Amino acid sequence: MLWIYYATLKSNETLLITINSIGSFMEAIYIFIYISYAPKNAKILALELIMLLNVFGFGLILVLTHFLVKGSQRVHVLGWISVILSVSVYAAPLSIMKKVIQTKSVEFMPISLSFALLLNAVMWFFYGLLLKDFYITVPNIVGFIFGVLQIILYLIYKKCKVQEKLPSTIKPNIVISPEDNQNLEINITVNADEINGDSEERMVGLSN
């Protein structure tokens, strides 16, 4: 929404308005779907963040830049705010990149999303460069760097196999069969390695 507001303050920014309007509409659909199916606590947290950032945060920026900043200075102030927020969006996958390095698994970093991030940054970079718009160009340099890093991480760890940890608690399957009213035989089957499909079986004889 900030980029739409930024574009309305400049001339010949139809593409910026159109693309970000479509993007805002799609994001609204994603958020609606998330809230519809999320657990209660996650749903409440999402609604609180929407009210804090999208309603109060954007409203505060809109009011302050409209009444406290005049003329062309308003474009510069809003441009810097948009740059900071755009860089933070591009930096958001850093936590996922850290997890990829720690687990040596790309399960949580799909290549399609990383490629889309990279392509998006490249296109917007050249768009801002051709228009000589500093505020569009700068955050997409950061986006390009993070996009390349994600692709590199994917290529490094895509073939790595992660050994899953065994569960801390193993629930055995116990079958007790009396024999001659004297001995009890306990057959315990423990799934010790779910990855390889191996199992261990223990026979325990008890005297009564």
Protein backbone atom coordinates (compact mmCIF):
# COMPACT_ATOMS: atom_id res chain seq x y z
CA MET A 1 0.00 0.00 0.00
CA LEU A 2 2.92 2.34 0.67
CA TRP A 3 4.16 1.94 -2.90
CA ILE A 4 0.69 2.85 -4.20
CA TYR A 5 0.69 5.98 -2.06
CA TYR A 6 4.24 6.74 -3.20
CA ALA A 7 3.23 6.35 -6.86
CA THR A 8 0.26 8.72 -6.48
CA LEU A 9 2.67 11.47 -5.44
CA LYS A 10 4.62 11.14 -8.68
CA SER A 11 3.67 11.40 -12.34
CA ASN A 12 3.63 8.62 -14.94
CA GLU A 13 3.64 5.82 -12.36
CA THR A 14 0.69 3.86 -13.73
CA LEU A 15 2.58 0.55 -13.73
CA LEU A 16 3.63 0.96 -10.11
CA ILE A 17 0.05 1.63 -9.08
CA THR A 18 -1.41 -1.21 -11.17
CA ILE A 19 1.06 -3.91 -10.13
CA ASN A 20 0.97 -3.05 -6.44
CA SER A 21 -2.83 -2.88 -6.49
CA ILE A 22 -2.95 -6.41 -7.90
CA GLY A 23 -0.34 -7.51 -5.38
CA SER A 24 -2.29 -6.02 -2.48
CA PHE A 25 -5.45 -7.79 -3.64
CA MET A 26 -3.66 -11.16 -3.86
CA GLU A 27 -2.05 -10.68 -0.46
CA ALA A 28 -5.47 -9.90 1.00
CA ILE A 29 -6.74 -13.23 -0.38
CA TYR A 30 -3.77 -15.10 1.15
CA ILE A 31 -4.38 -13.46 4.52
CA PHE A 32 -8.10 -14.28 4.37
CA ILE A 33 -7.35 -17.94 3.64
CA TYR A 34 -4.78 -18.08 6.46
CA ILE A 35 -7.17 -16.54 8.98
CA SER A 36 -9.97 -18.87 7.87
CA TYR A 37 -7.99 -22.05 8.57
CA ALA A 38 -5.45 -20.99 11.22
CA PRO A 39 -5.73 -22.13 14.85
CA LYS A 40 -7.39 -19.70 17.23
CA ASN A 41 -4.17 -18.29 18.74
CA ALA A 42 -2.53 -17.83 15.33
CA LYS A 43 -5.71 -16.22 14.02
CA ILE A 44 -5.79 -13.69 16.88
CA LEU A 45 -2.11 -12.88 16.39
CA ALA A 46 -2.61 -12.34 12.64
CA LEU A 47 -5.55 -10.00 13.24
CA GLU A 48 -3.55 -8.03 15.81
CA LEU A 49 -0.65 -7.64 13.37
CA ILE A 50 -3.01 -6.51 10.61
CA MET A 51 -4.53 -3.87 12.88
CA LEU A 52 -1.12 -2.74 14.12
CA LEU A 53 0.74 -2.59 10.80
CA ASN A 54 -1.80 -2.28 7.99
CA VAL A 55 -4.34 -0.08 9.73
CA PHE A 56 -2.60 1.88 12.49
CA GLY A 57 0.90 1.86 10.96
CA PHE A 58 -0.11 2.81 7.44
CA GLY A 59 -2.65 5.32 8.73
CA LEU A 60 -0.01 6.99 10.89
CA ILE A 61 2.43 7.26 7.97
CA LEU A 62 -0.33 8.63 5.75
CA VAL A 63 -1.35 11.32 8.25
CA LEU A 64 2.18 12.36 9.23
CA THR A 65 3.51 12.62 5.67
CA HIS A 66 0.39 14.44 4.50
CA PHE A 67 0.25 17.10 7.20
CA LEU A 68 3.84 17.45 8.42
CA VAL A 69 5.78 17.13 5.16
CA LYS A 70 5.14 19.45 2.24
CA GLY A 71 5.93 19.50 -1.47
CA SER A 72 8.61 17.33 -3.03
CA GLN A 73 10.03 16.52 0.40
CA ARG A 74 7.02 14.28 0.98
CA VAL A 75 8.16 12.02 -1.88
CA HIS A 76 11.63 11.69 -0.37
CA VAL A 77 10.36 10.89 3.12
CA LEU A 78 7.85 8.36 1.86
CA GLY A 79 10.48 6.92 -0.49
CA TRP A 80 12.88 6.22 2.38
CA ILE A 81 10.12 4.63 4.45
CA SER A 82 9.26 2.39 1.49
CA VAL A 83 12.93 1.47 1.02
CA ILE A 84 13.29 0.42 4.68
CA LEU A 85 10.14 -1.70 4.62
CA SER A 86 11.03 -3.28 1.25
CA VAL A 87 14.50 -4.22 2.51
CA SER A 88 12.93 -5.80 5.60
CA VAL A 89 10.63 -7.85 3.35
CA TYR A 90 13.58 -9.10 1.31
CA ALA A 91 15.51 -9.85 4.52
CA ALA A 92 12.64 -11.88 5.99
CA PRO A 93 13.90 -15.20 4.49
CA LEU A 94 17.14 -14.89 6.51
CA SER A 95 15.63 -17.05 9.26
CA ILE A 96 14.81 -19.74 6.69
CA MET A 97 18.31 -19.53 5.22
CA LYS A 98 19.74 -20.04 8.71
CA LYS A 99 17.51 -23.07 9.18
CA VAL A 100 18.67 -24.51 5.84
CA ILE A 101 22.30 -24.22 6.94
CA GLN A 102 21.61 -25.75 10.36
CA THR A 103 19.51 -28.67 9.11
CA LYS A 104 21.25 -29.05 5.72
CA SER A 105 17.77 -29.38 4.23
CA VAL A 106 15.92 -27.19 1.71
CA GLU A 107 12.53 -28.52 2.79
CA PHE A 108 11.45 -25.11 4.06
CA MET A 109 12.90 -23.09 1.18
CA PRO A 110 11.19 -24.03 -2.12
CA ILE A 111 13.22 -23.18 -5.21
CA SER A 112 10.18 -21.71 -6.99
CA LEU A 113 9.76 -19.03 -4.31
CA SER A 114 13.48 -18.22 -4.30
CA PHE A 115 13.53 -17.94 -8.10
CA ALA A 116 10.44 -15.69 -8.07
CA LEU A 117 12.12 -13.46 -5.47
CA LEU A 118 15.23 -13.17 -7.64
CA LEU A 119 13.29 -12.49 -10.84
CA ASN A 120 11.10 -9.91 -9.12
CA ALA A 121 14.13 -8.06 -7.77
CA VAL A 122 15.85 -8.01 -11.17
CA MET A 123 12.78 -6.67 -12.99
CA TRP A 124 12.08 -3.93 -10.45
CA PHE A 125 15.76 -2.99 -10.35
CA PHE A 126 15.85 -2.31 -14.08
CA TYR A 127 12.48 -0.56 -13.91
CA GLY A 128 13.79 1.81 -11.24
CA LEU A 129 17.09 2.22 -13.06
CA LEU A 130 15.41 3.22 -16.32
CA LEU A 131 13.19 5.70 -14.48
CA LYS A 132 16.19 6.89 -12.44
CA ASP A 133 14.17 6.27 -9.29
CA PHE A 134 16.58 5.68 -6.42
CA TYR A 135 13.87 4.46 -4.04
CA ILE A 136 12.80 1.65 -6.36
CA THR A 137 16.33 0.63 -7.34
CA VAL A 138 18.01 0.34 -3.93
CA PRO A 139 15.78 -2.23 -2.16
CA ASN A 140 15.84 -4.47 -5.21
CA ILE A 141 19.64 -4.61 -5.13
CA VAL A 142 19.23 -6.13 -1.67
CA GLY A 143 16.50 -8.42 -3.01
CA PHE A 144 18.80 -9.59 -5.82
CA ILE A 145 21.58 -10.42 -3.34
CA PHE A 146 19.28 -12.43 -1.07
CA GLY A 147 17.71 -14.16 -4.06
CA VAL A 148 21.13 -15.27 -5.34
CA LEU A 149 22.12 -16.49 -1.86
CA GLN A 150 18.96 -18.58 -1.62
CA ILE A 151 19.60 -20.17 -5.02
CA ILE A 152 23.20 -20.97 -3.98
CA LEU A 153 22.01 -22.54 -0.71
CA TYR A 154 19.46 -24.62 -2.59
CA LEU A 155 22.10 -25.93 -5.00
CA ILE A 156 24.43 -26.81 -2.11
CA TYR A 157 21.92 -28.61 0.10
CA LYS A 158 19.34 -29.98 -2.34
CA LYS A 159 20.93 -33.46 -2.39
CA CYS A 160 21.73 -33.64 1.32
CA LYS A 161 19.87 -36.33 3.23
CA VAL A 162 18.94 -35.47 6.77
CA GLN A 163 18.90 -38.19 9.42
CA GLU A 164 15.75 -37.74 11.43
CA LYS A 165 15.99 -37.96 15.19
CA LEU A 166 14.38 -40.91 16.91
CA PRO A 167 11.39 -40.09 19.11
CA SER A 168 12.31 -39.52 22.74
CA THR A 169 9.46 -41.72 23.92
CA ILE A 170 8.89 -45.16 22.39
CA LYS A 171 5.59 -46.87 23.03
CA PRO A 172 6.10 -50.64 22.82
CA ASN A 173 3.48 -53.08 21.66
CA ILE A 174 3.19 -55.65 24.46
CA VAL A 175 1.44 -58.98 24.00
CA ILE A 176 1.14 -61.22 27.05
CA SER A 177 0.28 -64.89 26.46
CA PRO A 178 0.01 -67.34 29.41
CA GLU A 179 1.52 -70.76 28.95
CA ASP A 180 0.70 -73.66 31.36
CA ASN A 181 -0.32 -71.05 33.96
CA GLN A 182 3.35 -70.86 34.95
CA ASN A 183 5.25 -68.75 32.44
CA LEU A 184 4.37 -65.49 30.83
CA GLU A 185 5.92 -64.50 27.51
CA ILE A 186 6.15 -60.81 26.67
CA ASN A 187 6.72 -59.92 23.01
CA ILE A 188 7.86 -56.32 22.67
CA THR A 189 8.32 -54.78 19.22
CA VAL A 190 10.03 -51.40 19.17
CA ASN A 191 10.29 -49.29 16.00
CA ALA A 192 13.83 -48.07 16.53
CA ASP A 193 14.50 -46.66 13.09
CA GLU A 194 11.54 -45.34 11.12
CA ILE A 195 13.79 -44.06 8.34
CA ASN A 196 15.24 -47.42 7.32
CA GLY A 197 12.17 -49.38 8.34
CA ASP A 198 14.16 -51.47 10.82
CA SER A 199 12.69 -52.78 14.05
CA GLU A 200 14.01 -54.55 17.10
CA GLU A 201 12.18 -57.40 18.80
CA ARG A 202 12.82 -58.49 22.36
CA MET A 203 11.57 -61.72 23.97
CA VAL A 204 11.31 -61.66 27.74
CA GLY A 205 10.38 -64.76 29.74
CA LEU A 206 8.92 -64.35 33.20
CA SER A 207 8.45 -67.06 35.74
CA ASN A 208 5.34 -66.99 37.84
